[in-house]
Each structure stands twice: as C-alpha cells, then as structure tokens.
C-alpha cells in the first residue's frame, strides 16, 4: 500500500504548515488570522450551508417528489447529535477551503441505511491506496488511537485535485508565499508602531 497524505501524528504537530519565501510560518491558523482569508472562508462556508438541500424520489410517471422522510433527508437535516445540517455543511465547506479536504465518518444502521455523518479533522487523516485499487482512510481519534475506515465508510469532500489524485489541494498551501508576505508585512508594521 502507498500512503497518500502524511502521518497523522506529524500532521497534528505541524498543522499542515510550512515556512513561506518571506520566512513566515504559514498554516491554517495563521492564514485565518488574515482578515481577508477569514472573511472569504466565512462568507463562502455560510452561504453554501444556507443553500436549500433536498432529497427527491423519482416517481413511476417520471416526475420527482420530495422525499423528506427518506433516511438521507433526515441525515442531511441532522447529521449527528451535535450538529444541525447547516452547521455540518458550514464546517465541511470551511475544511475544504482551508485544508483542501473534508471528511466525515458515515454511520449506518443494520439495514445499511445512512443514519449519521461525523466530521473528522483533516489533519488527523491519512489515505492509503490498497492493492485492490480502493482507498483506506486512517484517522487518529482523540485518544491517539488510529482507526481504519474503508472507502465506503467515509464521506470525502475535496477541492480541486491534481489529475489522478484523490486529495484536494489546500488553498492555503497554494497561496503560502502570498499569505506569508501578508503575515510578514503585518508583523513588520506592528513592530514599527511598537518601537
């Protein structure tokens, strides 16, 4: 098998960041401290989360009818006990914008119906390609234990990816040097005024 993203323990320590050309360390946290980045992510995540999201069922006559009692419709309204559908979609969209990928563990009942979606922080996830060609998703839980999920057990939402890649590209990593310059200019200005 071949690991696609880094070891989750290293990802947690580094928080997916690195030093930019200006010398500033840029990660998701430092990038979001730039007002324009925070506002852009917040605006896109909130507006996407507010869009109507319904499940429809195709009738015998070809017409479609809303299926609000269908299990997927219930999960989209209340994906887990701690989140509404709106907050879940907002969180997932923000993760995609900042990390390039968002993940949720899919919970099913005995009949195989989807009954819950539980978000997993992207920095805790490692994806491996198995010899079968399918993917395994290993994540580190809050207790430091690595849990393996198979491809059909994970809802993986990703940003644009390189051809042939399963991983979305992080906009923070793509714009690292520009964000680093902004952080360096802010620090320089603050230092000038402080002195």
N, C-alpha and C. Protein backbone atom coordinates (compact mmCIF):
# COMPACT_ATOMS: atom_id res chain seq x y z
N UNK A 1 0.83 -1.19 0.00
CA UNK A 1 0.00 0.00 0.00
C UNK A 1 0.87 1.24 0.00
N UNK A 2 0.31 2.33 -0.43
CA UNK A 2 1.07 3.56 -0.58
C UNK A 2 0.33 4.67 0.16
N UNK A 3 1.02 5.36 1.09
CA UNK A 3 0.40 6.46 1.83
C UNK A 3 0.30 7.67 0.93
N UNK A 4 -0.84 8.32 0.96
CA UNK A 4 -1.08 9.47 0.10
C UNK A 4 -0.86 10.77 0.84
N UNK A 5 -1.28 10.85 2.07
CA UNK A 5 -1.01 12.05 2.85
C UNK A 5 -0.10 11.67 4.00
N UNK A 6 0.42 12.67 4.70
CA UNK A 6 1.40 12.41 5.75
C UNK A 6 0.85 11.67 6.94
N UNK A 7 1.75 11.24 7.79
CA UNK A 7 1.41 10.57 9.04
C UNK A 7 0.56 11.52 9.87
N UNK A 8 -0.61 11.07 10.40
CA UNK A 8 -1.47 11.96 11.17
C UNK A 8 -0.77 12.60 12.37
N UNK A 9 0.16 11.88 13.01
CA UNK A 9 0.83 12.46 14.17
C UNK A 9 1.69 13.65 13.75
N UNK A 10 2.37 13.55 12.59
CA UNK A 10 3.14 14.69 12.09
C UNK A 10 2.22 15.80 11.65
N UNK A 11 1.10 15.44 11.00
CA UNK A 11 0.14 16.46 10.58
C UNK A 11 -0.36 17.25 11.78
N UNK A 12 -0.61 16.56 12.89
CA UNK A 12 -1.10 17.24 14.09
C UNK A 12 -0.05 18.18 14.65
N UNK A 13 1.22 17.76 14.63
CA UNK A 13 2.28 18.62 15.14
C UNK A 13 2.52 19.83 14.24
N UNK A 14 2.55 19.61 12.95
CA UNK A 14 2.85 20.68 12.01
C UNK A 14 1.63 21.49 11.62
N UNK A 15 0.46 20.95 11.86
CA UNK A 15 -0.79 21.59 11.49
C UNK A 15 -0.82 21.91 10.00
N UNK A 16 -0.11 21.12 9.19
CA UNK A 16 -0.14 21.32 7.75
C UNK A 16 0.57 22.57 7.28
N UNK A 17 1.41 23.17 8.09
CA UNK A 17 2.06 24.42 7.71
C UNK A 17 3.51 24.26 7.34
N UNK A 18 4.06 25.31 6.75
CA UNK A 18 5.48 25.35 6.45
C UNK A 18 5.90 26.81 6.29
N UNK A 19 7.19 27.02 6.16
CA UNK A 19 7.73 28.37 6.07
C UNK A 19 7.59 28.88 4.63
N UNK A 20 7.13 30.11 4.49
CA UNK A 20 6.96 30.73 3.17
C UNK A 20 8.28 31.37 2.74
N UNK A 21 8.30 31.90 1.52
CA UNK A 21 9.51 32.54 0.99
C UNK A 21 9.92 33.75 1.83
N UNK A 22 8.95 34.41 2.48
CA UNK A 22 9.26 35.58 3.31
C UNK A 22 9.81 35.20 4.68
N UNK A 23 9.78 33.89 4.99
CA UNK A 23 10.27 33.42 6.29
C UNK A 23 9.18 33.24 7.31
N UNK A 24 7.95 33.64 6.98
CA UNK A 24 6.82 33.48 7.91
C UNK A 24 6.28 32.06 7.83
N UNK A 25 5.99 31.48 8.99
CA UNK A 25 5.37 30.16 9.04
C UNK A 25 3.89 30.33 8.72
N UNK A 26 3.41 29.60 7.74
CA UNK A 26 2.01 29.71 7.32
C UNK A 26 1.32 28.37 7.49
N UNK A 27 0.27 28.36 8.28
CA UNK A 27 -0.61 27.21 8.41
C UNK A 27 -2.03 27.74 8.41
N UNK A 28 -2.99 26.88 8.63
CA UNK A 28 -4.39 27.29 8.59
C UNK A 28 -4.67 28.36 9.63
N UNK A 29 -4.14 28.19 10.83
CA UNK A 29 -4.41 29.14 11.92
C UNK A 29 -3.84 30.52 11.60
N UNK A 30 -2.59 30.57 11.13
CA UNK A 30 -2.01 31.87 10.82
C UNK A 30 -2.68 32.50 9.61
N UNK A 31 -3.06 31.69 8.62
CA UNK A 31 -3.74 32.22 7.44
C UNK A 31 -5.09 32.83 7.82
N UNK A 32 -5.82 32.15 8.70
CA UNK A 32 -7.13 32.68 9.12
C UNK A 32 -7.01 33.93 9.98
N UNK A 33 -5.81 34.22 10.48
CA UNK A 33 -5.63 35.46 11.24
C UNK A 33 -5.56 36.67 10.30
N UNK A 34 -5.43 36.42 8.99
CA UNK A 34 -5.51 37.49 8.00
C UNK A 34 -7.00 37.72 7.74
N UNK A 35 -7.45 38.93 7.97
CA UNK A 35 -8.88 39.24 7.93
C UNK A 35 -9.52 38.84 6.61
N UNK A 36 -8.84 39.08 5.49
CA UNK A 36 -9.42 38.76 4.18
C UNK A 36 -9.63 37.25 4.03
N UNK A 37 -8.71 36.45 4.53
CA UNK A 37 -8.85 34.99 4.44
C UNK A 37 -10.02 34.55 5.30
N UNK A 38 -10.07 35.03 6.53
CA UNK A 38 -11.15 34.64 7.44
C UNK A 38 -12.52 35.02 6.85
N UNK A 39 -12.62 36.25 6.34
CA UNK A 39 -13.89 36.72 5.79
C UNK A 39 -14.30 35.92 4.57
N UNK A 40 -13.34 35.60 3.70
CA UNK A 40 -13.65 34.83 2.49
C UNK A 40 -14.15 33.43 2.85
N UNK A 41 -13.45 32.77 3.76
CA UNK A 41 -13.85 31.42 4.18
C UNK A 41 -15.22 31.47 4.85
N UNK A 42 -15.42 32.43 5.73
CA UNK A 42 -16.69 32.55 6.45
C UNK A 42 -17.85 32.81 5.49
N UNK A 43 -17.64 33.70 4.54
CA UNK A 43 -18.70 34.04 3.58
C UNK A 43 -19.06 32.84 2.71
N UNK A 44 -18.05 32.16 2.18
CA UNK A 44 -18.32 31.00 1.32
C UNK A 44 -18.96 29.85 2.10
N UNK A 45 -18.44 29.58 3.30
CA UNK A 45 -18.96 28.48 4.11
C UNK A 45 -20.41 28.74 4.53
N UNK A 46 -20.69 29.95 5.00
CA UNK A 46 -22.05 30.28 5.44
C UNK A 46 -23.04 30.28 4.27
N UNK A 47 -22.65 30.88 3.14
CA UNK A 47 -23.59 30.96 2.02
C UNK A 47 -23.84 29.58 1.42
N UNK A 48 -22.83 28.73 1.38
CA UNK A 48 -23.02 27.37 0.87
C UNK A 48 -23.93 26.57 1.81
N UNK A 49 -23.72 26.73 3.11
CA UNK A 49 -24.51 25.99 4.10
C UNK A 49 -25.98 26.38 4.06
N UNK A 50 -26.26 27.61 3.66
CA UNK A 50 -27.65 28.10 3.64
C UNK A 50 -28.43 27.70 2.39
N UNK A 51 -27.76 27.16 1.40
CA UNK A 51 -28.46 26.75 0.19
C UNK A 51 -29.43 25.61 0.51
N UNK A 52 -30.59 25.60 -0.12
CA UNK A 52 -31.54 24.51 0.14
C UNK A 52 -30.96 23.17 -0.33
N UNK A 53 -31.19 22.15 0.46
CA UNK A 53 -30.68 20.81 0.15
C UNK A 53 -31.79 19.80 0.42
N UNK A 54 -32.35 19.25 -0.63
CA UNK A 54 -33.47 18.33 -0.51
C UNK A 54 -33.16 17.02 -1.21
N UNK A 55 -33.85 15.99 -0.80
CA UNK A 55 -33.76 14.68 -1.43
C UNK A 55 -35.06 14.47 -2.20
N UNK A 56 -34.94 14.01 -3.43
CA UNK A 56 -36.11 13.77 -4.28
C UNK A 56 -36.16 12.29 -4.67
N UNK A 57 -37.36 11.82 -4.88
CA UNK A 57 -37.58 10.45 -5.33
C UNK A 57 -38.27 10.50 -6.70
N UNK A 58 -37.78 9.70 -7.63
CA UNK A 58 -38.37 9.64 -8.97
C UNK A 58 -39.62 8.78 -8.92
N UNK A 59 -40.73 9.30 -9.40
CA UNK A 59 -42.00 8.56 -9.43
C UNK A 59 -42.07 7.70 -10.70
N UNK A 60 -43.03 6.78 -10.73
CA UNK A 60 -43.21 5.90 -11.89
C UNK A 60 -43.49 6.68 -13.17
N UNK A 61 -44.17 7.83 -13.03
CA UNK A 61 -44.52 8.61 -14.21
C UNK A 61 -43.38 9.54 -14.66
N UNK A 62 -42.21 9.43 -14.00
CA UNK A 62 -41.06 10.26 -14.38
C UNK A 62 -40.94 11.55 -13.59
N UNK A 63 -42.01 11.94 -12.92
CA UNK A 63 -41.97 13.15 -12.09
C UNK A 63 -41.12 12.89 -10.85
N UNK A 64 -40.67 13.96 -10.23
CA UNK A 64 -39.94 13.78 -8.97
C UNK A 64 -40.72 14.41 -7.83
N UNK A 65 -40.58 13.82 -6.66
CA UNK A 65 -41.30 14.27 -5.48
C UNK A 65 -40.32 14.33 -4.31
N UNK A 66 -40.44 15.38 -3.51
CA UNK A 66 -39.56 15.47 -2.34
C UNK A 66 -39.78 14.29 -1.43
N UNK A 67 -38.66 13.74 -0.92
CA UNK A 67 -38.71 12.57 -0.04
C UNK A 67 -38.14 12.96 1.32
N UNK A 68 -38.88 13.78 2.05
CA UNK A 68 -38.40 14.30 3.33
C UNK A 68 -38.29 13.22 4.41
N UNK A 69 -38.98 12.09 4.25
CA UNK A 69 -38.92 11.03 5.25
C UNK A 69 -37.85 9.99 4.93
N UNK A 70 -37.19 10.13 3.80
CA UNK A 70 -36.12 9.21 3.42
C UNK A 70 -34.95 9.37 4.38
N UNK A 71 -34.23 8.29 4.67
CA UNK A 71 -33.17 8.34 5.69
C UNK A 71 -32.09 9.38 5.35
N UNK A 72 -31.73 9.51 4.09
CA UNK A 72 -30.73 10.50 3.71
C UNK A 72 -31.22 11.92 4.00
N UNK A 73 -32.49 12.18 3.76
CA UNK A 73 -33.05 13.51 4.04
C UNK A 73 -32.96 13.82 5.53
N UNK A 74 -33.23 12.82 6.36
CA UNK A 74 -33.13 13.03 7.82
C UNK A 74 -31.69 13.32 8.23
N UNK A 75 -30.73 12.60 7.63
CA UNK A 75 -29.31 12.82 7.96
C UNK A 75 -28.86 14.20 7.50
N UNK A 76 -29.33 14.65 6.36
CA UNK A 76 -28.95 15.98 5.88
C UNK A 76 -29.49 17.08 6.78
N UNK A 77 -30.66 16.83 7.42
CA UNK A 77 -31.22 17.81 8.37
C UNK A 77 -30.49 17.77 9.71
N UNK A 78 -30.13 16.56 10.17
CA UNK A 78 -29.48 16.37 11.48
C UNK A 78 -28.44 15.28 11.33
N UNK A 79 -27.20 15.63 10.86
CA UNK A 79 -26.21 14.59 10.58
C UNK A 79 -25.69 13.84 11.80
N UNK A 80 -25.72 14.48 12.96
CA UNK A 80 -25.27 13.83 14.18
C UNK A 80 -25.89 14.55 15.36
N UNK A 81 -25.80 14.01 16.57
CA UNK A 81 -26.46 14.63 17.72
C UNK A 81 -25.94 16.03 18.08
N UNK A 82 -24.77 16.39 17.57
CA UNK A 82 -24.14 17.63 17.99
C UNK A 82 -24.25 18.76 16.96
N UNK A 83 -24.76 18.47 15.77
CA UNK A 83 -24.80 19.47 14.71
C UNK A 83 -26.11 19.42 13.95
N UNK A 84 -26.51 20.61 13.51
CA UNK A 84 -27.61 20.69 12.55
C UNK A 84 -27.02 20.51 11.16
N UNK A 85 -27.86 20.31 10.19
CA UNK A 85 -27.40 20.19 8.82
C UNK A 85 -26.64 21.43 8.37
N UNK A 86 -27.11 22.60 8.79
CA UNK A 86 -26.47 23.86 8.42
C UNK A 86 -25.05 23.95 8.99
N UNK A 87 -24.87 23.65 10.26
CA UNK A 87 -23.53 23.75 10.85
C UNK A 87 -22.59 22.68 10.30
N UNK A 88 -23.13 21.51 9.99
CA UNK A 88 -22.32 20.46 9.38
C UNK A 88 -21.81 20.90 8.02
N UNK A 89 -22.69 21.41 7.17
CA UNK A 89 -22.29 21.85 5.83
C UNK A 89 -21.32 23.03 5.91
N UNK A 90 -21.53 23.92 6.85
CA UNK A 90 -20.61 25.06 7.02
C UNK A 90 -19.22 24.57 7.43
N UNK A 91 -19.16 23.63 8.36
CA UNK A 91 -17.88 23.08 8.82
C UNK A 91 -17.15 22.35 7.69
N UNK A 92 -17.88 21.55 6.94
CA UNK A 92 -17.27 20.79 5.85
C UNK A 92 -16.76 21.73 4.75
N UNK A 93 -17.52 22.75 4.42
CA UNK A 93 -17.09 23.70 3.39
C UNK A 93 -15.85 24.45 3.83
N UNK A 94 -15.81 24.89 5.09
CA UNK A 94 -14.63 25.60 5.61
C UNK A 94 -13.41 24.69 5.58
N UNK A 95 -13.58 23.42 5.94
CA UNK A 95 -12.45 22.48 5.91
C UNK A 95 -11.90 22.31 4.49
N UNK A 96 -12.80 22.22 3.52
CA UNK A 96 -12.35 22.09 2.13
C UNK A 96 -11.60 23.34 1.70
N UNK A 97 -12.11 24.52 2.05
CA UNK A 97 -11.46 25.77 1.65
C UNK A 97 -10.08 25.92 2.30
N UNK A 98 -9.95 25.51 3.54
CA UNK A 98 -8.69 25.70 4.27
C UNK A 98 -7.71 24.55 4.09
N UNK A 99 -8.21 23.32 4.07
CA UNK A 99 -7.33 22.15 4.03
C UNK A 99 -7.32 21.45 2.67
N UNK A 100 -8.30 21.75 1.84
CA UNK A 100 -8.41 21.07 0.55
C UNK A 100 -9.28 19.83 0.60
N UNK A 101 -9.55 19.33 1.81
CA UNK A 101 -10.33 18.11 2.00
C UNK A 101 -11.17 18.22 3.27
N UNK A 102 -12.33 17.57 3.24
CA UNK A 102 -13.16 17.44 4.44
C UNK A 102 -13.61 15.99 4.50
N UNK A 103 -13.68 15.46 5.71
CA UNK A 103 -14.02 14.04 5.90
C UNK A 103 -15.09 13.90 6.96
N UNK A 104 -15.97 12.92 6.77
CA UNK A 104 -16.94 12.57 7.80
C UNK A 104 -17.11 11.05 7.79
N UNK A 105 -17.12 10.47 8.99
CA UNK A 105 -17.37 9.03 9.13
C UNK A 105 -18.85 8.79 8.91
N UNK A 106 -19.17 7.84 8.03
CA UNK A 106 -20.56 7.52 7.73
C UNK A 106 -21.03 6.43 8.69
N UNK A 107 -22.12 6.72 9.39
CA UNK A 107 -22.71 5.76 10.33
C UNK A 107 -23.94 5.14 9.66
N UNK A 108 -24.00 3.82 9.67
CA UNK A 108 -25.15 3.14 9.06
C UNK A 108 -25.84 2.25 10.09
N UNK A 109 -27.08 1.92 9.82
CA UNK A 109 -27.82 1.00 10.70
C UNK A 109 -27.71 -0.42 10.17
N UNK A 110 -28.39 -1.35 10.78
CA UNK A 110 -28.32 -2.76 10.40
C UNK A 110 -28.82 -3.01 8.99
N UNK A 111 -29.67 -2.13 8.47
CA UNK A 111 -30.20 -2.30 7.11
C UNK A 111 -29.29 -1.66 6.07
N UNK A 112 -28.17 -1.06 6.53
CA UNK A 112 -27.24 -0.42 5.61
C UNK A 112 -27.62 0.99 5.23
N UNK A 113 -28.64 1.55 5.90
CA UNK A 113 -29.05 2.93 5.62
C UNK A 113 -28.15 3.91 6.35
N UNK A 114 -27.85 5.01 5.73
CA UNK A 114 -27.06 6.05 6.35
C UNK A 114 -27.88 6.72 7.45
N UNK A 115 -27.35 6.75 8.67
CA UNK A 115 -28.07 7.36 9.79
C UNK A 115 -27.28 8.48 10.45
N UNK A 116 -26.02 8.69 10.03
CA UNK A 116 -25.25 9.76 10.64
C UNK A 116 -23.97 10.06 9.89
N UNK A 117 -23.53 11.31 10.02
CA UNK A 117 -22.26 11.76 9.47
C UNK A 117 -21.50 12.46 10.59
N UNK A 118 -20.28 12.01 10.86
CA UNK A 118 -19.49 12.54 11.96
C UNK A 118 -18.18 13.11 11.41
N UNK A 119 -18.01 14.44 11.46
CA UNK A 119 -16.80 15.07 10.89
C UNK A 119 -15.52 14.59 11.55
N UNK A 120 -14.47 14.51 10.74
CA UNK A 120 -13.12 14.16 11.20
C UNK A 120 -12.21 15.28 10.74
N UNK A 121 -11.37 15.79 11.63
CA UNK A 121 -10.47 16.88 11.25
C UNK A 121 -9.49 16.41 10.18
N UNK A 122 -9.33 17.18 9.11
CA UNK A 122 -8.45 16.75 8.01
C UNK A 122 -7.01 16.46 8.42
N UNK A 123 -6.51 17.15 9.42
CA UNK A 123 -5.11 16.92 9.80
C UNK A 123 -4.92 15.56 10.48
N UNK A 124 -6.02 14.93 10.89
CA UNK A 124 -5.93 13.63 11.56
C UNK A 124 -6.08 12.46 10.59
N UNK A 125 -6.14 12.75 9.29
CA UNK A 125 -6.45 11.71 8.31
C UNK A 125 -5.26 11.39 7.42
N UNK A 126 -5.06 10.11 7.18
CA UNK A 126 -4.08 9.61 6.21
C UNK A 126 -4.81 8.68 5.27
N UNK A 127 -4.57 8.83 3.97
CA UNK A 127 -5.22 7.97 2.99
C UNK A 127 -4.17 7.07 2.36
N UNK A 128 -4.50 5.80 2.25
CA UNK A 128 -3.61 4.83 1.61
C UNK A 128 -4.34 4.14 0.48
N UNK A 129 -3.62 3.89 -0.59
CA UNK A 129 -4.20 3.13 -1.70
C UNK A 129 -3.86 1.66 -1.47
N UNK A 130 -4.88 0.84 -1.44
CA UNK A 130 -4.71 -0.59 -1.20
C UNK A 130 -4.37 -1.31 -2.51
N UNK A 131 -3.89 -2.53 -2.40
CA UNK A 131 -3.52 -3.30 -3.60
C UNK A 131 -4.73 -3.56 -4.50
N UNK A 132 -5.93 -3.50 -3.94
CA UNK A 132 -7.16 -3.68 -4.72
C UNK A 132 -7.50 -2.46 -5.57
N UNK A 133 -6.80 -1.36 -5.32
CA UNK A 133 -7.09 -0.11 -6.02
C UNK A 133 -8.03 0.79 -5.25
N UNK A 134 -8.65 0.27 -4.20
CA UNK A 134 -9.53 1.08 -3.34
C UNK A 134 -8.68 1.82 -2.32
N UNK A 135 -9.32 2.68 -1.55
CA UNK A 135 -8.59 3.50 -0.58
C UNK A 135 -8.99 3.16 0.85
N UNK A 136 -8.03 3.29 1.74
CA UNK A 136 -8.27 3.14 3.18
C UNK A 136 -8.01 4.50 3.82
N UNK A 137 -8.87 4.87 4.74
CA UNK A 137 -8.76 6.15 5.45
C UNK A 137 -8.42 5.85 6.91
N UNK A 138 -7.22 6.22 7.33
CA UNK A 138 -6.80 6.03 8.71
C UNK A 138 -6.82 7.39 9.41
N UNK A 139 -7.55 7.46 10.52
CA UNK A 139 -7.55 8.71 11.27
C UNK A 139 -7.19 8.46 12.72
N UNK A 140 -6.60 9.47 13.33
CA UNK A 140 -6.22 9.39 14.72
C UNK A 140 -7.33 10.01 15.55
N UNK A 141 -7.92 9.22 16.45
CA UNK A 141 -9.02 9.75 17.27
C UNK A 141 -8.47 10.57 18.44
N UNK A 142 -9.38 11.07 19.27
CA UNK A 142 -8.99 11.95 20.39
C UNK A 142 -8.08 11.27 21.40
N UNK A 143 -8.11 9.94 21.45
CA UNK A 143 -7.27 9.19 22.39
C UNK A 143 -5.93 8.79 21.78
N UNK A 144 -5.66 9.21 20.53
CA UNK A 144 -4.41 8.88 19.87
C UNK A 144 -4.42 7.52 19.19
N UNK A 145 -5.56 6.88 19.15
CA UNK A 145 -5.69 5.57 18.52
C UNK A 145 -5.98 5.74 17.03
N UNK A 146 -5.28 4.98 16.19
CA UNK A 146 -5.51 5.04 14.75
C UNK A 146 -6.66 4.10 14.40
N UNK A 147 -7.66 4.65 13.72
CA UNK A 147 -8.85 3.90 13.32
C UNK A 147 -8.87 3.83 11.80
N UNK A 148 -9.06 2.63 11.26
CA UNK A 148 -9.11 2.47 9.80
C UNK A 148 -10.56 2.39 9.34
N UNK A 149 -10.86 3.20 8.34
CA UNK A 149 -12.15 3.15 7.66
C UNK A 149 -11.90 2.85 6.20
N UNK A 150 -12.80 2.12 5.59
CA UNK A 150 -12.67 1.82 4.17
C UNK A 150 -13.40 2.88 3.35
N UNK A 151 -13.17 2.87 2.08
CA UNK A 151 -13.67 3.90 1.18
C UNK A 151 -15.17 4.12 1.32
N UNK A 152 -15.95 3.08 1.47
CA UNK A 152 -17.40 3.21 1.58
C UNK A 152 -17.88 3.68 2.94
N UNK A 153 -16.96 3.90 3.88
CA UNK A 153 -17.34 4.33 5.23
C UNK A 153 -17.01 5.80 5.48
N UNK A 154 -16.52 6.48 4.46
CA UNK A 154 -16.09 7.87 4.62
C UNK A 154 -16.73 8.74 3.55
N UNK A 155 -17.32 9.86 3.98
CA UNK A 155 -17.75 10.89 3.06
C UNK A 155 -16.56 11.83 2.89
N UNK A 156 -15.98 11.86 1.70
CA UNK A 156 -14.78 12.65 1.42
C UNK A 156 -15.16 13.75 0.44
N UNK A 157 -15.11 14.97 0.90
CA UNK A 157 -15.39 16.14 0.08
C UNK A 157 -14.06 16.81 -0.19
N UNK A 158 -13.74 17.07 -1.45
CA UNK A 158 -12.43 17.62 -1.75
C UNK A 158 -12.52 18.82 -2.68
N UNK A 159 -11.49 19.65 -2.60
CA UNK A 159 -11.34 20.78 -3.51
C UNK A 159 -10.71 20.24 -4.80
N UNK A 160 -10.39 21.11 -5.71
CA UNK A 160 -9.75 20.67 -6.95
C UNK A 160 -8.49 19.88 -6.64
N UNK A 161 -8.26 18.86 -7.46
CA UNK A 161 -7.12 17.98 -7.25
C UNK A 161 -6.28 17.90 -8.51
N UNK A 162 -5.06 17.47 -8.33
CA UNK A 162 -4.21 17.18 -9.49
C UNK A 162 -4.80 15.97 -10.21
N UNK A 163 -4.63 15.89 -11.53
CA UNK A 163 -5.15 14.72 -12.24
C UNK A 163 -4.62 13.41 -11.65
N UNK A 164 -5.53 12.49 -11.40
CA UNK A 164 -5.17 11.19 -10.86
C UNK A 164 -5.03 11.14 -9.35
N UNK A 165 -5.20 12.27 -8.67
CA UNK A 165 -5.06 12.31 -7.21
C UNK A 165 -6.43 12.28 -6.54
N UNK A 166 -6.51 11.65 -5.40
CA UNK A 166 -7.75 11.64 -4.62
C UNK A 166 -7.80 12.81 -3.65
N UNK A 167 -6.66 13.45 -3.40
CA UNK A 167 -6.60 14.54 -2.43
C UNK A 167 -6.80 15.90 -3.09
N UNK A 168 -7.66 16.71 -2.47
CA UNK A 168 -7.84 18.08 -2.91
C UNK A 168 -6.64 18.93 -2.51
N UNK A 169 -6.39 19.98 -3.26
CA UNK A 169 -5.26 20.87 -2.97
C UNK A 169 -5.70 21.95 -2.00
N UNK A 170 -4.91 22.18 -0.97
CA UNK A 170 -5.19 23.21 0.02
C UNK A 170 -4.91 24.58 -0.58
N UNK A 171 -5.89 25.47 -0.50
CA UNK A 171 -5.70 26.83 -0.99
C UNK A 171 -4.66 27.57 -0.16
N UNK A 172 -4.53 27.19 1.10
CA UNK A 172 -3.52 27.81 1.97
C UNK A 172 -2.13 27.42 1.48
N UNK A 173 -1.94 26.16 1.14
CA UNK A 173 -0.64 25.71 0.64
C UNK A 173 -0.33 26.34 -0.71
N UNK A 174 -1.33 26.46 -1.56
CA UNK A 174 -1.12 27.06 -2.89
C UNK A 174 -0.70 28.52 -2.77
N UNK A 175 -1.31 29.25 -1.85
CA UNK A 175 -1.04 30.68 -1.69
C UNK A 175 -0.08 30.97 -0.54
N UNK A 176 0.71 29.96 -0.13
CA UNK A 176 1.56 30.09 1.05
C UNK A 176 2.48 31.32 0.99
N UNK A 177 3.15 31.56 -0.14
CA UNK A 177 4.09 32.68 -0.22
C UNK A 177 3.38 34.03 -0.14
N UNK A 178 2.22 34.15 -0.77
CA UNK A 178 1.45 35.40 -0.71
C UNK A 178 0.95 35.63 0.71
N UNK A 179 0.45 34.58 1.36
CA UNK A 179 -0.03 34.72 2.74
C UNK A 179 1.14 35.02 3.68
N UNK A 180 2.28 34.38 3.44
CA UNK A 180 3.47 34.64 4.26
C UNK A 180 3.92 36.09 4.15
N UNK A 181 3.85 36.64 2.93
CA UNK A 181 4.20 38.05 2.75
C UNK A 181 3.25 38.94 3.54
N UNK A 182 1.97 38.63 3.50
CA UNK A 182 1.00 39.41 4.27
C UNK A 182 1.26 39.34 5.76
N UNK A 183 1.59 38.14 6.26
CA UNK A 183 1.90 37.98 7.68
C UNK A 183 3.18 38.73 8.05
N UNK A 184 4.19 38.68 7.18
CA UNK A 184 5.45 39.39 7.45
C UNK A 184 5.24 40.90 7.45
N UNK A 185 4.46 41.40 6.51
CA UNK A 185 4.17 42.85 6.46
C UNK A 185 3.41 43.29 7.70
N UNK A 186 2.46 42.48 8.13
CA UNK A 186 1.70 42.81 9.34
C UNK A 186 2.62 42.86 10.56
N UNK A 187 3.52 41.87 10.68
CA UNK A 187 4.45 41.82 11.81
C UNK A 187 5.41 43.01 11.76
N UNK A 188 5.90 43.34 10.57
CA UNK A 188 6.81 44.48 10.43
C UNK A 188 6.11 45.78 10.83
N UNK A 189 4.89 45.96 10.34
CA UNK A 189 4.13 47.17 10.69
C UNK A 189 3.87 47.24 12.19
N UNK A 190 3.50 46.14 12.79
CA UNK A 190 3.23 46.11 14.24
C UNK A 190 4.51 46.43 15.00
N UNK A 191 5.64 45.87 14.56
CA UNK A 191 6.93 46.11 15.22
C UNK A 191 7.33 47.57 15.10
N UNK A 192 7.09 48.16 13.93
CA UNK A 192 7.43 49.58 13.72
C UNK A 192 6.64 50.46 14.67
N UNK A 193 5.33 50.22 14.75
CA UNK A 193 4.50 51.04 15.63
C UNK A 193 4.82 50.78 17.11
N UNK A 194 5.18 49.54 17.43
CA UNK A 194 5.52 49.21 18.81
C UNK A 194 6.78 49.93 19.24
N UNK A 195 7.75 50.08 18.32
CA UNK A 195 9.02 50.73 18.65
C UNK A 195 8.94 52.23 18.50
